[in-house]
Protein backbone atom coordinates (compact mmCIF):
# COMPACT_ATOMS: atom_id res chain seq x y z
CA MET A 1 95.13 108.49 156.78
CA VAL A 2 94.99 112.22 156.00
CA GLU A 3 93.78 114.50 158.78
CA LEU A 4 92.08 117.88 158.44
CA THR A 5 94.19 120.17 160.62
CA VAL A 6 92.22 123.18 161.92
CA PRO A 7 91.86 124.84 165.38
CA TYR A 8 90.64 122.41 168.07
CA GLU A 9 91.70 119.44 165.94
CA ASN A 10 91.36 115.86 167.13
CA ARG A 11 88.35 116.55 169.38
CA MET A 12 86.87 113.27 168.23
CA GLU A 13 85.16 112.68 171.62
CA GLU A 14 82.50 115.22 170.56
CA ALA A 15 82.08 113.90 167.02
CA HIS A 16 79.70 111.09 168.10
CA ILE A 17 76.81 113.56 168.46
CA TYR A 18 76.77 114.01 164.67
CA LYS A 19 76.77 110.31 163.85
CA ARG A 20 73.03 109.95 163.44
CA GLU A 21 70.61 109.51 160.55
CA LYS A 22 71.30 112.03 157.76
CA TYR A 23 74.84 112.86 158.97
CA MET A 24 75.80 109.20 159.28
CA ASN A 25 76.46 108.80 155.56
CA LEU A 26 78.51 111.99 155.44
CA THR A 27 80.72 110.76 158.27
CA LYS A 28 81.11 107.37 156.62
CA GLU A 29 82.01 108.96 153.31
CA LEU A 30 84.55 111.11 155.09
CA GLU A 31 86.06 108.17 156.96
CA ASN A 32 86.09 106.00 153.83
CA ALA A 33 87.93 108.77 152.02
CA GLY A 34 90.59 108.73 154.74
CA TYR A 35 89.66 111.97 156.54
CA LYS A 36 88.69 112.67 160.15
CA ALA A 37 85.76 114.87 161.13
CA VAL A 38 86.95 117.76 163.31
CA VAL A 39 84.69 119.49 165.87
CA MET A 40 85.18 123.08 167.09
CA PRO A 41 83.12 125.84 168.74
CA VAL A 42 81.10 127.80 166.18
CA GLU A 43 82.15 131.21 167.53
CA ASP A 44 85.83 130.44 166.94
CA GLN A 45 85.10 129.52 163.35
CA LEU A 46 82.91 132.61 162.87
CA ALA A 47 85.79 134.82 164.03
CA LYS A 48 88.01 133.07 161.49
CA TRP A 49 85.42 133.61 158.74
CA TYR A 50 84.94 137.29 159.57
CA SER A 51 88.70 137.92 159.64
CA ALA A 52 88.94 136.21 156.24
CA GLY A 53 86.02 138.30 154.93
CA ILE A 54 83.74 135.29 154.50
CA SER A 55 80.04 135.68 155.34
CA ASN A 56 78.61 133.33 157.94
CA PRO A 57 76.56 130.59 156.29
CA SER A 58 75.66 128.91 159.57
CA ARG A 59 73.38 131.67 160.90
CA ASP A 60 69.88 132.68 159.90
CA GLU A 61 70.03 136.08 158.18
CA GLY A 62 66.97 137.34 160.07
CA THR A 63 67.70 136.32 163.66
CA HIS A 64 71.47 135.80 163.34
CA GLN A 65 70.99 132.75 165.55
CA PRO A 66 72.82 129.47 164.94
CA ILE A 67 70.75 127.02 162.87
CA PRO A 68 70.93 123.59 164.52
CA LEU A 69 71.25 120.31 162.58
CA GLN A 70 71.51 121.87 159.16
CA LEU A 71 74.06 121.40 156.39
CA HIS A 72 75.70 124.44 154.85
CA HIS A 73 78.00 124.73 151.85
CA VAL A 74 80.98 127.05 151.75
CA ASP A 75 84.05 127.30 149.53
CA TRP A 76 86.97 127.16 151.91
CA GLN A 77 90.65 126.26 151.93
CA LEU A 78 91.68 123.57 154.40
CA PRO A 79 95.25 122.73 155.38
CA LEU A 80 95.66 118.95 155.08
CA LYS A 81 98.23 117.08 157.12
CA ASP A 82 99.46 113.81 155.67
CA LYS A 83 100.33 111.42 158.49
CA GLN A 84 102.69 109.39 156.29
CA THR A 85 104.85 112.33 155.23
CA GLY A 86 104.09 114.72 158.11
CA PHE A 87 103.72 117.63 155.68
CA SER A 88 100.76 120.04 155.68
CA THR A 89 99.44 121.33 152.36
CA VAL A 90 96.65 123.82 151.74
CA ARG A 91 94.16 122.51 149.22
CA SER A 92 91.04 124.21 147.92
CA ALA A 93 88.00 122.09 148.72
CA SER A 94 85.07 122.93 146.46
CA ALA A 95 82.44 121.32 148.71
CA ILE A 96 82.97 121.70 152.45
CA TYR A 97 79.87 120.95 154.50
CA LEU A 98 79.36 122.39 157.97
CA CYS A 99 77.09 120.70 160.49
CA GLN A 100 76.20 122.78 163.53
CA TYR A 101 74.83 121.28 166.75
CA GLU A 102 74.89 122.60 170.33
CA ASN A 103 77.15 125.50 169.33
CA LYS A 104 79.69 123.09 167.83
CA LEU A 105 80.78 122.90 164.20
CA CYS A 106 81.57 119.67 162.36
CA ILE A 107 83.50 119.87 159.09
CA PHE A 108 82.89 117.23 156.43
CA ASP A 109 85.06 117.05 153.33
CA LEU A 110 82.79 114.46 151.60
CA SER A 111 85.87 113.07 149.83
CA VAL A 112 85.74 115.94 147.30
CA ILE A 113 89.50 116.36 147.43
CA ASN A 114 89.91 112.63 146.93
CA GLU A 115 87.49 112.75 143.99
CA GLU A 116 89.47 115.62 142.49
CA GLU A 117 92.69 113.67 142.92
CA GLU A 118 91.08 110.56 141.45
CA GLU A 119 89.80 112.61 138.50
CA GLU A 120 93.28 114.06 138.01
CA GLU A 121 94.79 110.57 138.19
CA GLU A 122 92.18 109.26 135.77
CA GLU A 123 92.87 112.16 133.41
CA GLU A 124 96.61 111.51 133.67
CA GLU A 125 96.05 107.79 133.06
CA GLU A 126 93.80 108.63 130.11
CA GLU A 127 96.43 111.01 128.73
CA GLU A 128 99.15 108.39 129.22
CA LYS A 129 96.93 105.80 127.53
CA GLU A 130 96.26 108.17 124.62
CA GLU A 131 99.97 108.99 124.35
CA LYS A 132 100.80 105.28 124.41
CA GLU A 133 98.17 104.60 121.73
CA GLU A 134 99.55 107.48 119.65
CA GLU A 135 103.08 106.11 120.06
CA GLU A 136 101.88 102.64 119.10
CA GLU A 137 100.07 104.08 116.08
CA GLU A 138 103.19 106.03 115.11
CA GLU A 139 105.29 102.89 115.56
CA GLU A 140 102.78 100.92 113.49
CA GLU A 141 102.84 103.66 110.85
CA LYS A 142 106.64 103.60 110.84
CA LYS A 143 106.61 99.82 110.47
CA LYS A 144 104.10 100.08 107.62
CA LYS A 145 106.18 102.77 105.91
CA LYS A 146 109.35 100.72 106.43
CA LYS A 147 107.62 97.63 105.06
CA LYS A 148 106.24 99.64 102.12
CA LYS A 149 109.68 101.13 101.48
CA LYS A 150 111.27 97.68 101.67
CA LYS A 151 108.62 96.28 99.34
CA LYS A 152 109.14 99.19 96.94
CA LYS A 153 112.91 98.70 97.08
CA LYS A 154 112.49 94.98 96.48
CA LYS A 155 110.13 95.66 93.58
CA LYS A 156 112.57 98.20 92.14
CA LYS A 157 115.44 95.74 92.53
CA LYS A 158 113.39 92.99 90.90
CA LYS A 159 112.44 95.34 88.06
CA LYS A 160 116.07 96.36 87.63
CA LYS A 161 117.16 92.72 87.64
CA LYS A 162 114.44 91.86 85.13
CA LYS A 163 115.47 94.79 82.95
CA LYS A 164 119.12 93.76 83.17
CA LYS A 165 118.21 90.17 82.31
CA LYS A 166 116.09 91.36 79.40
CA LYS A 167 118.92 93.59 78.20
CA LYS A 168 121.40 90.72 78.50
CA LYS A 169 119.03 88.41 76.64
CA LYS A 170 118.53 91.03 73.94
CA LYS A 171 122.29 91.54 73.66
CA LYS A 172 122.85 87.78 73.44
CA LYS A 173 120.16 87.46 70.79
CA LYS A 174 121.67 90.34 68.82
CA LYS A 175 125.11 88.74 69.06
CA GLU A 176 123.70 85.41 67.92
CA GLU A 177 121.93 87.12 65.05
CA GLU A 178 125.12 88.94 64.10
CA GLU A 179 127.09 85.68 64.28
CA GLU A 180 124.44 83.99 62.16
CA GLU A 181 124.62 86.84 59.67
CA GLU A 182 128.41 86.60 59.60
CA GLU A 183 128.18 82.84 59.11
CA GLU A 184 125.63 83.37 56.38
CA GLU A 185 127.88 85.97 54.79
CA LYS A 186 130.85 83.62 54.94
CA LYS A 187 128.79 80.86 53.38
CA LYS A 188 127.63 83.23 50.65
CA LYS A 189 131.21 84.37 49.97
CA LYS A 190 132.45 80.78 49.93
CA LYS A 191 129.65 79.80 47.59
CA LYS A 192 130.34 82.81 45.39
CA LYS A 193 134.04 81.98 45.31
CA LYS A 194 133.25 78.39 44.45
CA ASN A 195 130.88 79.51 41.72
CA ASN A 196 133.52 81.89 40.37
CA ASN A 197 136.11 79.10 40.31
CA ASN A 198 133.70 76.79 38.54
CA ASN A 199 132.93 79.48 35.99
CA ASN A 200 136.63 80.10 35.40
CA ASN A 201 137.28 76.40 34.91
CA ASN A 202 134.40 76.15 32.48
CA ASN A 203 135.68 79.15 30.53
CA ASN A 204 139.15 77.67 30.40
CA LYS A 205 137.75 74.43 29.11
CA ILE A 206 135.91 76.28 26.38
CA LEU A 207 139.05 78.18 25.41
CA GLY A 208 141.11 74.99 25.65
CA TYR A 209 143.53 76.29 28.26
CA ASP A 210 143.28 73.19 30.25
CA ASP A 211 143.92 70.79 27.24
CA PRO A 212 147.66 69.89 27.07
CA THR A 213 147.39 68.61 23.43
CA SER A 214 145.88 71.78 22.13
CA GLU A 215 148.14 74.20 20.30
CA THR A 216 148.62 77.68 21.48
CA LEU A 217 147.45 80.32 19.07
CA SER A 218 150.27 82.47 17.75
């Protein structure tokens, strides 16, 4: 539990006079938030206000008399003592309510400090969540890019392989065509040679070179 540490702290025996009707909820809110209500004489607090240059919100401007059973709002810094750590820290409370009764002053924090802390925590959590989401998105983006890059690389490799295969096929076809042409050429040459031989033989026959009985012309 965190305790509001101010002059005349822990005078809880006098706090019961405020626990009625419209102040009941304030006290409950304060207790639920983990703070104790502290009671002190009004004049002591007024002296503190005047020395700090703060106007007195608990007195009627006309009569300057204390106003009983009325709530007042004042911006004020309260030192807070944490019972767990034992350290006191001054925190600015944006909504301190003062309840005056029988020349006594009751201070209610109304869990404003707690709300501020909760808001800060929520904001931090929200920021962390957003950061985490951003990181996840970045990670997802990286994965997508990596996948895309991999896919592109694979596609490029496939294309290269296909191109290589096509080139090889083309080369093979060309070689086969060249071989066929060579074969065809050989056949043609062979045929031509054969034809030439046949022609020569025929010519010889006509001239009688191949007839052993024929006489040679002198």
